Amino acid sequence: MLLNNQNLSVLEVQVLGIYQAKIEVKTISGECLFVYPTQTQRDDPLFWTSLKDIIKAKLWLPINKSLHQLIDSDWLLPMNA
């Protein structure tokens, strides 16, 4: 199932850059926010390499509205959610 339900607490963001341990993103409405990676993500060099590729490709990602963290499942949810 796609993450397109308006009642979910998800923001669509585009990654602008990486600053120390924070990721600067821009929402569809143009608001700039910081996303805070989890400890596992911070320690994963492949995460940072992938994030740099995402920045170059200018892809849009979902983040949790309240925690400002990337959603692990990307744009998909389990069918029973």
PDB file of N, CA and C in Angstrom:
ATOM      1  N   MET A   1       0.848  -1.174   0.000  1.00  0.00           N
ATOM      2  CA  MET A   1       0.000   0.000   0.000  1.00  0.00           C
ATOM      3  C   MET A   1       0.897   1.241   0.000  1.00  0.00           C
ATOM      4  N   LEU A   2       0.569   2.199  -0.820  1.00  0.00           N
ATOM      5  CA  LEU A   2       1.352   3.430  -0.893  1.00  0.00           C
ATOM      6  C   LEU A   2       1.069   4.344   0.282  1.00  0.00           C
ATOM      7  N   LEU A   3       2.068   5.097   0.654  1.00  0.00           N
ATOM      8  CA  LEU A   3       1.945   6.066   1.748  1.00  0.00           C
ATOM      9  C   LEU A   3       1.317   7.347   1.200  1.00  0.00           C
ATOM     10  N   ASN A   4       0.018   7.324   0.889  1.00  0.00           N
ATOM     11  CA  ASN A   4      -0.602   8.509   0.328  1.00  0.00           C
ATOM     12  C   ASN A   4      -1.842   8.934   1.106  1.00  0.00           C
ATOM     13  N   ASN A   5      -2.068   8.356   2.261  1.00  0.00           N
ATOM     14  CA  ASN A   5      -3.199   8.711   3.100  1.00  0.00           C
ATOM     15  C   ASN A   5      -2.892  10.043   3.791  1.00  0.00           C
ATOM     16  N   GLN A   6      -3.746  11.040   3.610  1.00  0.00           N
ATOM     17  CA  GLN A   6      -3.505  12.364   4.178  1.00  0.00           C
ATOM     18  C   GLN A   6      -3.545  12.373   5.706  1.00  0.00           C
ATOM     19  N   ASN A   7      -4.143  11.351   6.326  1.00  0.00           N
ATOM     20  CA  ASN A   7      -4.234  11.297   7.783  1.00  0.00           C
ATOM     21  C   ASN A   7      -2.933  10.811   8.429  1.00  0.00           C
ATOM     22  N   LEU A   8      -2.017  10.258   7.648  1.00  0.00           N
ATOM     23  CA  LEU A   8      -0.755   9.794   8.203  1.00  0.00           C
ATOM     24  C   LEU A   8       0.137  10.991   8.529  1.00  0.00           C
ATOM     25  N   SER A   9       0.983  10.819   9.519  1.00  0.00           N
ATOM     26  CA  SER A   9       1.865  11.913   9.933  1.00  0.00           C
ATOM     27  C   SER A   9       3.163  11.870   9.134  1.00  0.00           C
ATOM     28  N   VAL A  10       3.048  12.148   7.833  1.00  0.00           N
ATOM     29  CA  VAL A  10       4.187  12.066   6.923  1.00  0.00           C
ATOM     30  C   VAL A  10       4.333  13.387   6.170  1.00  0.00           C
ATOM     31  N   LEU A  11       5.564  13.823   6.034  1.00  0.00           N
ATOM     32  CA  LEU A  11       5.888  14.991   5.207  1.00  0.00           C
ATOM     33  C   LEU A  11       6.719  14.523   4.023  1.00  0.00           C
ATOM     34  N   GLU A  12       6.498  15.123   2.874  1.00  0.00           N
ATOM     35  CA  GLU A  12       7.321  14.851   1.703  1.00  0.00           C
ATOM     36  C   GLU A  12       8.435  15.890   1.668  1.00  0.00           C
ATOM     37  N   VAL A  13       9.674  15.441   1.593  1.00  0.00           N
ATOM     38  CA  VAL A  13      10.805  16.378   1.640  1.00  0.00           C
ATOM     39  C   VAL A  13      11.830  16.051   0.560  1.00  0.00           C
ATOM     40  N   GLN A  14      12.582  17.074   0.201  1.00  0.00           N
ATOM     41  CA  GLN A  14      13.711  16.921  -0.707  1.00  0.00           C
ATOM     42  C   GLN A  14      14.966  17.273   0.084  1.00  0.00           C
ATOM     43  N   VAL A  15      15.969  16.420   0.011  1.00  0.00           N
ATOM     44  CA  VAL A  15      17.195  16.629   0.778  1.00  0.00           C
ATOM     45  C   VAL A  15      18.039  17.711   0.105  1.00  0.00           C
ATOM     46  N   LEU A  16      18.426  18.708   0.896  1.00  0.00           N
ATOM     47  CA  LEU A  16      19.239  19.817   0.388  1.00  0.00           C
ATOM     48  C   LEU A  16      20.721  19.617   0.672  1.00  0.00           C
ATOM     49  N   GLY A  17      21.037  19.110   1.861  1.00  0.00           N
ATOM     50  CA  GLY A  17      22.438  18.949   2.230  1.00  0.00           C
ATOM     51  C   GLY A  17      22.601  18.281   3.570  1.00  0.00           C
ATOM     52  N   ILE A  18      23.854  17.991   3.878  1.00  0.00           N
ATOM     53  CA  ILE A  18      24.211  17.334   5.133  1.00  0.00           C
ATOM     54  C   ILE A  18      25.101  18.293   5.914  1.00  0.00           C
ATOM     55  N   TYR A  19      24.737  18.553   7.174  1.00  0.00           N
ATOM     56  CA  TYR A  19      25.489  19.460   8.034  1.00  0.00           C
ATOM     57  C   TYR A  19      25.731  18.777   9.363  1.00  0.00           C
ATOM     58  N   GLN A  20      26.984  18.371   9.586  1.00  0.00           N
ATOM     59  CA  GLN A  20      27.380  17.619  10.772  1.00  0.00           C
ATOM     60  C   GLN A  20      26.510  16.372  10.863  1.00  0.00           C
ATOM     61  N   ALA A  21      25.736  16.192  11.905  1.00  0.00           N
ATOM     62  CA  ALA A  21      24.910  14.988  12.032  1.00  0.00           C
ATOM     63  C   ALA A  21      23.454  15.281  11.696  1.00  0.00           C
ATOM     64  N   LYS A  22      23.198  16.392  10.991  1.00  0.00           N
ATOM     65  CA  LYS A  22      21.834  16.756  10.628  1.00  0.00           C
ATOM     66  C   LYS A  22      21.697  16.785   9.113  1.00  0.00           C
ATOM     67  N   ILE A  23      20.486  16.533   8.647  1.00  0.00           N
ATOM     68  CA  ILE A  23      20.195  16.543   7.225  1.00  0.00           C
ATOM     69  C   ILE A  23      19.197  17.666   6.977  1.00  0.00           C
ATOM     70  N   GLU A  24      19.572  18.628   6.143  1.00  0.00           N
ATOM     71  CA  GLU A  24      18.661  19.729   5.836  1.00  0.00           C
ATOM     72  C   GLU A  24      17.753  19.304   4.682  1.00  0.00           C
ATOM     73  N   VAL A  25      16.444  19.516   4.872  1.00  0.00           N
ATOM     74  CA  VAL A  25      15.462  19.144   3.861  1.00  0.00           C
ATOM     75  C   VAL A  25      14.513  20.312   3.608  1.00  0.00           C
ATOM     76  N   LYS A  26      13.823  20.239   2.463  1.00  0.00           N
ATOM     77  CA  LYS A  26      12.821  21.240   2.098  1.00  0.00           C
ATOM     78  C   LYS A  26      11.504  20.510   1.854  1.00  0.00           C
ATOM     79  N   THR A  27      10.420  21.004   2.439  1.00  0.00           N
ATOM     80  CA  THR A  27       9.104  20.406   2.237  1.00  0.00           C
ATOM     81  C   THR A  27       8.508  20.910   0.918  1.00  0.00           C
ATOM     82  N   ILE A  28       7.403  20.311   0.523  1.00  0.00           N
ATOM     83  CA  ILE A  28       6.712  20.735  -0.693  1.00  0.00           C
ATOM     84  C   ILE A  28       6.295  22.197  -0.602  1.00  0.00           C
ATOM     85  N   SER A  29       5.954  22.641   0.598  1.00  0.00           N
ATOM     86  CA  SER A  29       5.533  24.040   0.780  1.00  0.00           C
ATOM     87  C   SER A  29       6.712  25.008   0.847  1.00  0.00           C
ATOM     88  N   GLY A  30       7.939  24.503   0.779  1.00  0.00           N
ATOM     89  CA  GLY A  30       9.124  25.359   0.773  1.00  0.00           C
ATOM     90  C   GLY A  30       9.760  25.580   2.132  1.00  0.00           C
ATOM     91  N   GLU A  31       9.197  24.988   3.177  1.00  0.00           N
ATOM     92  CA  GLU A  31       9.742  25.141   4.523  1.00  0.00           C
ATOM     93  C   GLU A  31      11.009  24.293   4.675  1.00  0.00           C
ATOM     94  N   CYS A  32      12.043  24.855   5.255  1.00  0.00           N
ATOM     95  CA  CYS A  32      13.286  24.112   5.499  1.00  0.00           C
ATOM     96  C   CYS A  32      13.274  23.546   6.911  1.00  0.00           C
ATOM     97  N   LEU A  33      13.664  22.287   7.027  1.00  0.00           N
ATOM     98  CA  LEU A  33      13.703  21.575   8.310  1.00  0.00           C
ATOM     99  C   LEU A  33      15.002  20.802   8.405  1.00  0.00           C
ATOM    100  N   PHE A  34      15.281  20.319   9.600  1.00  0.00           N
ATOM    101  CA  PHE A  34      16.387  19.396   9.784  1.00  0.00           C
ATOM    102  C   PHE A  34      15.836  18.035  10.157  1.00  0.00           C
ATOM    103  N   VAL A  35      16.413  16.998   9.558  1.00  0.00           N
ATOM    104  CA  VAL A  35      16.076  15.610   9.864  1.00  0.00           C
ATOM    105  C   VAL A  35      17.237  15.058  10.672  1.00  0.00           C
ATOM    106  N   TYR A  36      16.901  14.326  11.723  1.00  0.00           N
ATOM    107  CA  TYR A  36      17.925  13.779  12.609  1.00  0.00           C
ATOM    108  C   TYR A  36      18.017  12.278  12.417  1.00  0.00           C
ATOM    109  N   PRO A  37      19.120  11.784  11.844  1.00  0.00           N
ATOM    110  CA  PRO A  37      19.246  10.346  11.628  1.00  0.00           C
ATOM    111  C   PRO A  37      19.344   9.587  12.947  1.00  0.00           C
ATOM    112  N   THR A  38      18.901   8.346  12.921  1.00  0.00           N
ATOM    113  CA  THR A  38      19.014   7.491  14.102  1.00  0.00           C
ATOM    114  C   THR A  38      20.487   7.133  14.311  1.00  0.00           C
ATOM    115  N   GLN A  39      20.799   6.566  15.457  1.00  0.00           N
ATOM    116  CA  GLN A  39      22.185   6.175  15.741  1.00  0.00           C
ATOM    117  C   GLN A  39      22.671   5.137  14.728  1.00  0.00           C
ATOM    118  N   THR A  40      21.803   4.205  14.356  1.00  0.00           N
ATOM    119  CA  THR A  40      22.165   3.181  13.363  1.00  0.00           C
ATOM    120  C   THR A  40      22.496   3.839  12.032  1.00  0.00           C
ATOM    121  N   GLN A  41      21.687   4.809  11.622  1.00  0.00           N
ATOM    122  CA  GLN A  41      21.953   5.509  10.364  1.00  0.00           C
ATOM    123  C   GLN A  41      23.239   6.312  10.446  1.00  0.00           C
ATOM    124  N   ARG A  42      23.482   6.964  11.574  1.00  0.00           N
ATOM    125  CA  ARG A  42      24.711   7.762  11.733  1.00  0.00           C
ATOM    126  C   ARG A  42      25.959   6.912  11.596  1.00  0.00           C
ATOM    127  N   ASP A  43      25.892   5.670  12.062  1.00  0.00           N
ATOM    128  CA  ASP A  43      27.059   4.786  12.046  1.00  0.00           C
ATOM    129  C   ASP A  43      27.211   4.008  10.743  1.00  0.00           C
ATOM    130  N   ASP A  44      26.293   4.184   9.808  1.00  0.00           N
ATOM    131  CA  ASP A  44      26.284   3.394   8.575  1.00  0.00           C
ATOM    132  C   ASP A  44      26.845   4.207   7.401  1.00  0.00           C
ATOM    133  N   PRO A  45      28.044   3.868   6.927  1.00  0.00           N
ATOM    134  CA  PRO A  45      28.622   4.644   5.817  1.00  0.00           C
ATOM    135  C   PRO A  45      27.806   4.514   4.527  1.00  0.00           C
ATOM    136  N   LEU A  46      27.127   3.394   4.319  1.00  0.00           N
ATOM    137  CA  LEU A  46      26.301   3.237   3.121  1.00  0.00           C
ATOM    138  C   LEU A  46      25.094   4.166   3.143  1.00  0.00           C
ATOM    139  N   PHE A  47      24.586   4.447   4.329  1.00  0.00           N
ATOM    140  CA  PHE A  47      23.475   5.396   4.463  1.00  0.00           C
ATOM    141  C   PHE A  47      23.898   6.766   3.929  1.00  0.00           C
ATOM    142  N   TRP A  48      25.070   7.224   4.341  1.00  0.00           N
ATOM    143  CA  TRP A  48      25.546   8.548   3.927  1.00  0.00           C
ATOM    144  C   TRP A  48      25.869   8.587   2.434  1.00  0.00           C
ATOM    145  N   THR A  49      26.419   7.510   1.908  1.00  0.00           N
ATOM    146  CA  THR A  49      26.688   7.432   0.472  1.00  0.00           C
ATOM    147  C   THR A  49      25.383   7.484  -0.314  1.00  0.00           C
ATOM    148  N   SER A  50      24.397   6.726   0.141  1.00  0.00           N
ATOM    149  CA  SER A  50      23.086   6.723  -0.520  1.00  0.00           C
ATOM    150  C   SER A  50      22.436   8.093  -0.443  1.00  0.00           C
ATOM    151  N   LEU A  51      22.571   8.740   0.691  1.00  0.00           N
ATOM    152  CA  LEU A  51      21.978  10.073   0.869  1.00  0.00           C
ATOM    153  C   LEU A  51      22.598  11.084  -0.096  1.00  0.00           C
ATOM    154  N   LYS A  52      23.888  10.982  -0.317  1.00  0.00           N
ATOM    155  CA  LYS A  52      24.543  11.879  -1.277  1.00  0.00           C
ATOM    156  C   LYS A  52      24.005  11.648  -2.690  1.00  0.00           C
ATOM    157  N   ASP A  53      23.749  10.381  -3.029  1.00  0.00           N
ATOM    158  CA  ASP A  53      23.162  10.071  -4.340  1.00  0.00           C
ATOM    159  C   ASP A  53      21.737  10.615  -4.444  1.00  0.00           C
ATOM    160  N   ILE A  54      20.998  10.546  -3.355  1.00  0.00           N
ATOM    161  CA  ILE A  54      19.627  11.077  -3.321  1.00  0.00           C
ATOM    162  C   ILE A  54      19.638  12.590  -3.519  1.00  0.00           C
ATOM    163  N   ILE A  55      20.611  13.265  -2.919  1.00  0.00           N
ATOM    164  CA  ILE A  55      20.739  14.715  -3.088  1.00  0.00           C
ATOM    165  C   ILE A  55      20.997  15.052  -4.556  1.00  0.00           C
ATOM    166  N   LYS A  56      21.914  14.323  -5.185  1.00  0.00           N
ATOM    167  CA  LYS A  56      22.228  14.576  -6.599  1.00  0.00           C
ATOM    168  C   LYS A  56      21.019  14.341  -7.494  1.00  0.00           C
ATOM    169  N   ALA A  57      20.228  13.303  -7.183  1.00  0.00           N
ATOM    170  CA  ALA A  57      19.069  12.954  -8.005  1.00  0.00           C
ATOM    171  C   ALA A  57      17.847  13.821  -7.687  1.00  0.00           C
ATOM    172  N   LYS A  58      17.909  14.596  -6.613  1.00  0.00           N
ATOM    173  CA  LYS A  58      16.808  15.472  -6.184  1.00  0.00           C
ATOM    174  C   LYS A  58      15.510  14.697  -5.971  1.00  0.00           C
ATOM    175  N   LEU A  59      15.627  13.538  -5.329  1.00  0.00           N
ATOM    176  CA  LEU A  59      14.462  12.712  -5.031  1.00  0.00           C
ATOM    177  C   LEU A  59      13.712  13.244  -3.819  1.00  0.00           C
ATOM    178  N   TRP A  60      12.429  12.926  -3.736  1.00  0.00           N
ATOM    179  CA  TRP A  60      11.599  13.298  -2.596  1.00  0.00           C
ATOM    180  C   TRP A  60      11.446  12.087  -1.700  1.00  0.00           C
ATOM    181  N   LEU A  61      11.571  12.290  -0.388  1.00  0.00           N
ATOM    182  CA  LEU A  61      11.494  11.217   0.597  1.00  0.00           C
ATOM    183  C   LEU A  61      10.422  11.515   1.630  1.00  0.00           C
ATOM    184  N   PRO A  62       9.858  10.475   2.249  1.00  0.00           N
ATOM    185  CA  PRO A  62       8.908  10.703   3.339  1.00  0.00           C
ATOM    186  C   PRO A  62       9.644  10.777   4.674  1.00  0.00           C
ATOM    187  N   ILE A  63       9.209  11.695   5.535  1.00  0.00           N
ATOM    188  CA  ILE A  63       9.729  11.736   6.907  1.00  0.00           C
ATOM    189  C   ILE A  63       8.548  11.769   7.870  1.00  0.00           C
ATOM    190  N   ASN A  64       8.813  11.387   9.094  1.00  0.00           N
ATOM    191  CA  ASN A  64       7.819  11.433  10.159  1.00  0.00           C
ATOM    192  C   ASN A  64       7.653  12.888  10.578  1.00  0.00           C
ATOM    193  N   LYS A  65       6.404  13.375  10.600  1.00  0.00           N
ATOM    194  CA  LYS A  65       6.142  14.790  10.935  1.00  0.00           C
ATOM    195  C   LYS A  65       6.603  15.158  12.337  1.00  0.00           C
ATOM    196  N   SER A  66       6.350  14.303  13.305  1.00  0.00           N
ATOM    197  CA  SER A  66       6.645  14.669  14.688  1.00  0.00           C
ATOM    198  C   SER A  66       8.095  14.428  15.075  1.00  0.00           C
ATOM    199  N   LEU A  67       8.704  13.348  14.583  1.00  0.00           N
ATOM    200  CA  LEU A  67      10.082  13.021  14.979  1.00  0.00           C
ATOM    201  C   LEU A  67      11.135  13.584  14.034  1.00  0.00           C
ATOM    202  N   HIS A  68      10.709  14.002  12.836  1.00  0.00           N
ATOM    203  CA  HIS A  68      11.632  14.468  11.798  1.00  0.00           C
ATOM    204  C   HIS A  68      12.713  13.436  11.529  1.00  0.00           C
ATOM    205  N   GLN A  69      12.280  12.199  11.302  1.00  0.00           N
ATOM    206  CA  GLN A  69      13.191  11.123  10.935  1.00  0.00           C
ATOM    207  C   GLN A  69      12.708  10.494   9.642  1.00  0.00           C
ATOM    208  N   LEU A  70      13.667   9.989   8.863  1.00  0.00           N
ATOM    209  CA  LEU A  70      13.322   9.301   7.625  1.00  0.00           C
ATOM    210  C   LEU A  70      12.524   8.045   7.943  1.00  0.00           C
ATOM    211  N   ILE A  71      11.606   7.689   7.064  1.00  0.00           N
ATOM    212  CA  ILE A  71      10.803   6.487   7.243  1.00  0.00           C
ATOM    213  C   ILE A  71      11.518   5.336   6.552  1.00  0.00           C
ATOM    214  N   ASP A  72      11.818   4.274   7.312  1.00  0.00           N
ATOM    215  CA  ASP A  72      12.602   3.148   6.809  1.00  0.00           C
ATOM    216  C   ASP A  72      11.982   2.458   5.602  1.00  0.00           C
ATOM    217  N   SER A  73      10.660   2.393   5.547  1.00  0.00           N
ATOM    218  CA  SER A  73       9.996   1.650   4.478  1.00  0.00           C
ATOM    219  C   SER A  73       9.785   2.487   3.211  1.00  0.00           C
ATOM    220  N   ASP A  74      10.355   3.679   3.191  1.00  0.00           N
ATOM    221  CA  ASP A  74      10.217   4.587   2.067  1.00  0.00           C
ATOM    222  C   ASP A  74       8.751   4.940   1.867  1.00  0.00           C
ATOM    223  N   TRP A  75       8.195   4.823   0.677  1.00  0.00           N
ATOM    224  CA  TRP A  75       6.816   5.227   0.403  1.00  0.00           C
ATOM    225  C   TRP A  75       5.820   4.099   0.568  1.00  0.00           C
ATOM    226  N   LEU A  76       6.224   2.948   1.083  1.00  0.00           N
ATOM    227  CA  LEU A  76       5.334   1.799   1.185  1.00  0.00           C
ATOM    228  C   LEU A  76       4.996   1.463   2.634  1.00  0.00           C
ATOM    229  N   LEU A  77       3.804   0.949   2.860  1.00  0.00           N
ATOM    230  CA  LEU A  77       3.364   0.451   4.155  1.00  0.00           C
ATOM    231  C   LEU A  77       2.912  -0.987   3.973  1.00  0.00           C
ATOM    232  N   PRO A  78       2.970  -1.800   5.022  1.00  0.00           N
ATOM    233  CA  PRO A  78       2.425  -3.155   4.915  1.00  0.00           C
ATOM    234  C   PRO A  78       0.932  -3.103   4.568  1.00  0.00           C
ATOM    235  N   MET A  79       0.433  -4.116   3.890  1.00  0.00           N
ATOM    236  CA  MET A  79      -0.973  -4.145   3.467  1.00  0.00           C
ATOM    237  C   MET A  79      -1.955  -4.093   4.648  1.00  0.00           C
ATOM    238  N   ASN A  80      -1.547  -4.589   5.826  1.00  0.00           N
ATOM    239  CA  ASN A  80      -2.455  -4.610   6.984  1.00  0.00           C
ATOM    240  C   ASN A  80      -2.376  -3.331   7.807  1.00  0.00           C
ATOM    241  N   ALA A  81      -1.657  -2.323   7.363  1.00  0.00           N
ATOM    242  CA  ALA A  81      -1.545  -1.064   8.130  1.00  0.00           C
ATOM    243  C   ALA A  81      -2.757  -0.193   7.917  1.00  0.00           C
TER     244      ALA A  81
END
